[in-house]
Amino acid sequence: LSLGESERGDFSNTRILVVANRLPVTIKKDQDGNFTSSISSGGLVSALKGVSGLEMVWIGWPESEIDPEDQPKLEAALSEQNCVPAFLPADIADKYYNGFSNNLIWPLFHYRPLPLSDIAETTDLF
């Protein structure tokens, strides 16, 4: 998919903010205290890899707790990749993702229950 000048308009100055649980990169801190990153292999990252012709800014958790002293250094490194970290304690990130997101938001928007009439028809026998 390539967005740019087309019959639908010019999207070259369009910015998309992707607010996700995780950033599209995996962060590592080396022995010298510098941060390095590599592209993650998550589903959303893979799905949006092919989109070009617009600016994409990612906002999300860096997948680990970052010492407050290191946060400015990491923010600077990630800004070069159009990423904005949301610094969260690991326990809150876990409860948000594995609790709220997976147990409430995902089912709410991805599963469609059967109409009550269909359920009644299939359960009358027992």
C-alpha atoms as a PDB file:
ATOM      1  CA  LEU A   1       0.000   0.000   0.000  1.00  0.00           C
ATOM      2  CA  SER A   2       1.441   3.325  -0.940  1.00  0.00           C
ATOM      3  CA  LEU A   3      -0.227   6.575  -0.062  1.00  0.00           C
ATOM      4  CA  GLY A   4       0.743   9.713  -1.891  1.00  0.00           C
ATOM      5  CA  GLU A   5      -0.735  11.670  -4.715  1.00  0.00           C
ATOM      6  CA  SER A   6      -3.712   9.768  -5.943  1.00  0.00           C
ATOM      7  CA  GLU A   7      -7.272  10.290  -6.981  1.00  0.00           C
ATOM      8  CA  ARG A   8      -8.139  10.355  -3.267  1.00  0.00           C
ATOM      9  CA  GLY A   9      -5.857  13.303  -2.536  1.00  0.00           C
ATOM     10  CA  ASP A  10      -2.329  14.112  -1.432  1.00  0.00           C
ATOM     11  CA  PHE A  11      -1.427  12.408   1.848  1.00  0.00           C
ATOM     12  CA  SER A  12       2.271  13.329   1.824  1.00  0.00           C
ATOM     13  CA  ASN A  13       1.889  15.712   4.779  1.00  0.00           C
ATOM     14  CA  THR A  14      -0.294  13.338   6.782  1.00  0.00           C
ATOM     15  CA  ARG A  15       0.780  12.128  10.206  1.00  0.00           C
ATOM     16  CA  ILE A  16      -0.732   9.066  11.808  1.00  0.00           C
ATOM     17  CA  LEU A  17      -0.398   8.570  15.553  1.00  0.00           C
ATOM     18  CA  VAL A  18      -0.304   4.871  16.368  1.00  0.00           C
ATOM     19  CA  VAL A  19      -1.064   4.374  20.056  1.00  0.00           C
ATOM     20  CA  ALA A  20      -0.280   0.765  20.867  1.00  0.00           C
ATOM     21  CA  ASN A  21       0.585  -1.368  23.845  1.00  0.00           C
ATOM     22  CA  ARG A  22       4.199  -1.701  22.676  1.00  0.00           C
ATOM     23  CA  LEU A  23       6.518   0.301  20.488  1.00  0.00           C
ATOM     24  CA  PRO A  24       7.435  -1.179  17.085  1.00  0.00           C
ATOM     25  CA  VAL A  25      11.023  -1.650  18.254  1.00  0.00           C
ATOM     26  CA  THR A  26      12.726  -3.838  20.833  1.00  0.00           C
ATOM     27  CA  ILE A  27      15.011  -1.837  23.111  1.00  0.00           C
ATOM     28  CA  LYS A  28      18.292  -3.052  24.607  1.00  0.00           C
ATOM     29  CA  LYS A  29      20.789  -1.233  26.779  1.00  0.00           C
ATOM     30  CA  ASP A  30      24.443  -2.059  26.074  1.00  0.00           C
ATOM     31  CA  GLN A  31      27.329  -2.162  28.571  1.00  0.00           C
ATOM     32  CA  ASP A  32      28.165   1.489  27.874  1.00  0.00           C
ATOM     33  CA  GLY A  33      24.646   2.571  28.831  1.00  0.00           C
ATOM     34  CA  ASN A  34      23.566   3.315  25.263  1.00  0.00           C
ATOM     35  CA  PHE A  35      20.249   2.138  23.901  1.00  0.00           C
ATOM     36  CA  THR A  36      19.957   0.125  20.710  1.00  0.00           C
ATOM     37  CA  SER A  37      16.800  -1.015  19.003  1.00  0.00           C
ATOM     38  CA  SER A  38      15.631  -3.469  16.398  1.00  0.00           C
ATOM     39  CA  ILE A  39      12.298  -3.784  14.619  1.00  0.00           C
ATOM     40  CA  SER A  40       9.784  -5.891  16.530  1.00  0.00           C
ATOM     41  CA  SER A  41       7.834  -8.695  14.906  1.00  0.00           C
ATOM     42  CA  GLY A  42       4.400  -7.972  16.378  1.00  0.00           C
ATOM     43  CA  GLY A  43       1.195  -8.204  14.353  1.00  0.00           C
ATOM     44  CA  LEU A  44       0.457  -4.478  14.229  1.00  0.00           C
ATOM     45  CA  VAL A  45       4.063  -3.677  13.298  1.00  0.00           C
ATOM     46  CA  SER A  46       3.974  -6.252  10.501  1.00  0.00           C
ATOM     47  CA  ALA A  47       0.606  -5.034   9.247  1.00  0.00           C
ATOM     48  CA  LEU A  48       1.726  -1.416   9.013  1.00  0.00           C
ATOM     49  CA  LYS A  49       5.194  -2.097   7.557  1.00  0.00           C
ATOM     50  CA  GLY A  50       3.898  -1.803   4.021  1.00  0.00           C
ATOM     51  CA  VAL A  51       2.267   1.584   4.493  1.00  0.00           C
ATOM     52  CA  SER A  52       4.359   4.345   2.985  1.00  0.00           C
ATOM     53  CA  GLY A  53       3.983   7.952   1.956  1.00  0.00           C
ATOM     54  CA  LEU A  54       3.003   9.338   5.342  1.00  0.00           C
ATOM     55  CA  GLU A  55       4.583   9.978   8.704  1.00  0.00           C
ATOM     56  CA  MET A  56       3.797   7.418  11.369  1.00  0.00           C
ATOM     57  CA  VAL A  57       4.474   8.273  15.025  1.00  0.00           C
ATOM     58  CA  TRP A  58       4.277   5.380  17.481  1.00  0.00           C
ATOM     59  CA  ILE A  59       3.357   5.864  21.141  1.00  0.00           C
ATOM     60  CA  GLY A  60       3.694   2.881  23.460  1.00  0.00           C
ATOM     61  CA  TRP A  61       5.444   1.042  26.261  1.00  0.00           C
ATOM     62  CA  PRO A  62       9.140   0.194  25.698  1.00  0.00           C
ATOM     63  CA  GLU A  63       8.462  -3.318  27.159  1.00  0.00           C
ATOM     64  CA  SER A  64      10.445  -2.774  30.342  1.00  0.00           C
ATOM     65  CA  GLU A  65      10.797  -0.342  33.177  1.00  0.00           C
ATOM     66  CA  ILE A  66      13.342   2.357  32.399  1.00  0.00           C
ATOM     67  CA  ASP A  67      15.288   4.067  35.159  1.00  0.00           C
ATOM     68  CA  PRO A  68      14.152   7.713  35.385  1.00  0.00           C
ATOM     69  CA  GLU A  69      17.776   8.817  34.818  1.00  0.00           C
ATOM     70  CA  ASP A  70      17.834   6.956  31.479  1.00  0.00           C
ATOM     71  CA  GLN A  71      14.439   8.126  30.226  1.00  0.00           C
ATOM     72  CA  PRO A  72      15.669  11.323  28.475  1.00  0.00           C
ATOM     73  CA  LYS A  73      18.419   9.364  26.672  1.00  0.00           C
ATOM     74  CA  LEU A  74      15.914   6.741  25.523  1.00  0.00           C
ATOM     75  CA  GLU A  75      13.398   9.401  24.454  1.00  0.00           C
ATOM     76  CA  ALA A  76      16.078  11.022  22.284  1.00  0.00           C
ATOM     77  CA  ALA A  77      17.099   7.698  20.721  1.00  0.00           C
ATOM     78  CA  LEU A  78      13.493   6.705  20.015  1.00  0.00           C
ATOM     79  CA  SER A  79      12.536  10.097  18.582  1.00  0.00           C
ATOM     80  CA  GLU A  80      14.887   9.357  15.680  1.00  0.00           C
ATOM     81  CA  GLN A  81      12.575   6.436  14.868  1.00  0.00           C
ATOM     82  CA  ASN A  82       9.330   8.419  15.327  1.00  0.00           C
ATOM     83  CA  CYS A  83       8.628   6.656  18.619  1.00  0.00           C
ATOM     84  CA  VAL A  84       7.410   8.145  21.887  1.00  0.00           C
ATOM     85  CA  PRO A  85       7.793   5.926  24.945  1.00  0.00           C
ATOM     86  CA  ALA A  86       5.094   5.715  27.615  1.00  0.00           C
ATOM     87  CA  PHE A  87       7.052   4.927  30.773  1.00  0.00           C
ATOM     88  CA  LEU A  88       5.029   2.624  33.019  1.00  0.00           C
ATOM     89  CA  PRO A  89       5.879   0.332  35.909  1.00  0.00           C
ATOM     90  CA  ALA A  90       5.927  -3.284  34.705  1.00  0.00           C
ATOM     91  CA  ASP A  91       3.078  -4.352  37.009  1.00  0.00           C
ATOM     92  CA  ILE A  92       0.752  -1.650  35.657  1.00  0.00           C
ATOM     93  CA  ALA A  93       1.695  -2.456  32.052  1.00  0.00           C
ATOM     94  CA  ASP A  94       0.998  -6.144  32.737  1.00  0.00           C
ATOM     95  CA  LYS A  95      -2.379  -5.491  34.367  1.00  0.00           C
ATOM     96  CA  TYR A  96      -3.356  -3.128  31.569  1.00  0.00           C
ATOM     97  CA  TYR A  97      -2.375  -5.474  28.746  1.00  0.00           C
ATOM     98  CA  ASN A  98      -3.233  -8.882  30.201  1.00  0.00           C
ATOM     99  CA  GLY A  99      -6.211  -7.653  32.194  1.00  0.00           C
ATOM    100  CA  PHE A 100      -8.011  -4.674  30.737  1.00  0.00           C
ATOM    101  CA  SER A 101      -6.971  -4.958  27.076  1.00  0.00           C
ATOM    102  CA  ASN A 102      -7.107  -8.727  26.562  1.00  0.00           C
ATOM    103  CA  ASN A 103     -10.028  -9.438  28.874  1.00  0.00           C
ATOM    104  CA  LEU A 104     -12.278  -6.486  28.051  1.00  0.00           C
ATOM    105  CA  ILE A 105     -11.290  -4.417  25.026  1.00  0.00           C
ATOM    106  CA  TRP A 106     -10.227  -7.253  22.675  1.00  0.00           C
ATOM    107  CA  PRO A 107     -13.404  -9.359  23.169  1.00  0.00           C
ATOM    108  CA  LEU A 108     -15.613  -6.282  23.006  1.00  0.00           C
ATOM    109  CA  PHE A 109     -14.327  -5.311  19.560  1.00  0.00           C
ATOM    110  CA  HIS A 110     -13.449  -8.702  18.058  1.00  0.00           C
ATOM    111  CA  TYR A 111     -16.122 -11.159  19.122  1.00  0.00           C
ATOM    112  CA  ARG A 112     -19.738 -10.925  18.105  1.00  0.00           C
ATOM    113  CA  PRO A 113     -22.137 -12.916  20.230  1.00  0.00           C
ATOM    114  CA  LEU A 114     -24.967 -14.825  18.633  1.00  0.00           C
ATOM    115  CA  PRO A 115     -28.389 -13.203  18.702  1.00  0.00           C
ATOM    116  CA  LEU A 116     -30.374 -14.339  21.735  1.00  0.00           C
ATOM    117  CA  SER A 117     -32.911 -16.111  19.537  1.00  0.00           C
ATOM    118  CA  ASP A 118     -30.147 -18.360  18.117  1.00  0.00           C
ATOM    119  CA  ILE A 119     -28.840 -19.138  21.586  1.00  0.00           C
ATOM    120  CA  ALA A 120     -32.339 -20.063  22.814  1.00  0.00           C
ATOM    121  CA  GLU A 121     -32.880 -22.423  19.864  1.00  0.00           C
ATOM    122  CA  THR A 122     -29.631 -24.268  20.491  1.00  0.00           C
ATOM    123  CA  THR A 123     -30.074 -24.591  24.257  1.00  0.00           C
ATOM    124  CA  ASP A 124     -33.748 -25.636  24.424  1.00  0.00           C
ATOM    125  CA  LEU A 125     -32.789 -29.284  23.983  1.00  0.00           C
ATOM    126  CA  PHE A 126     -30.837 -29.459  27.183  1.00  0.00           C
END
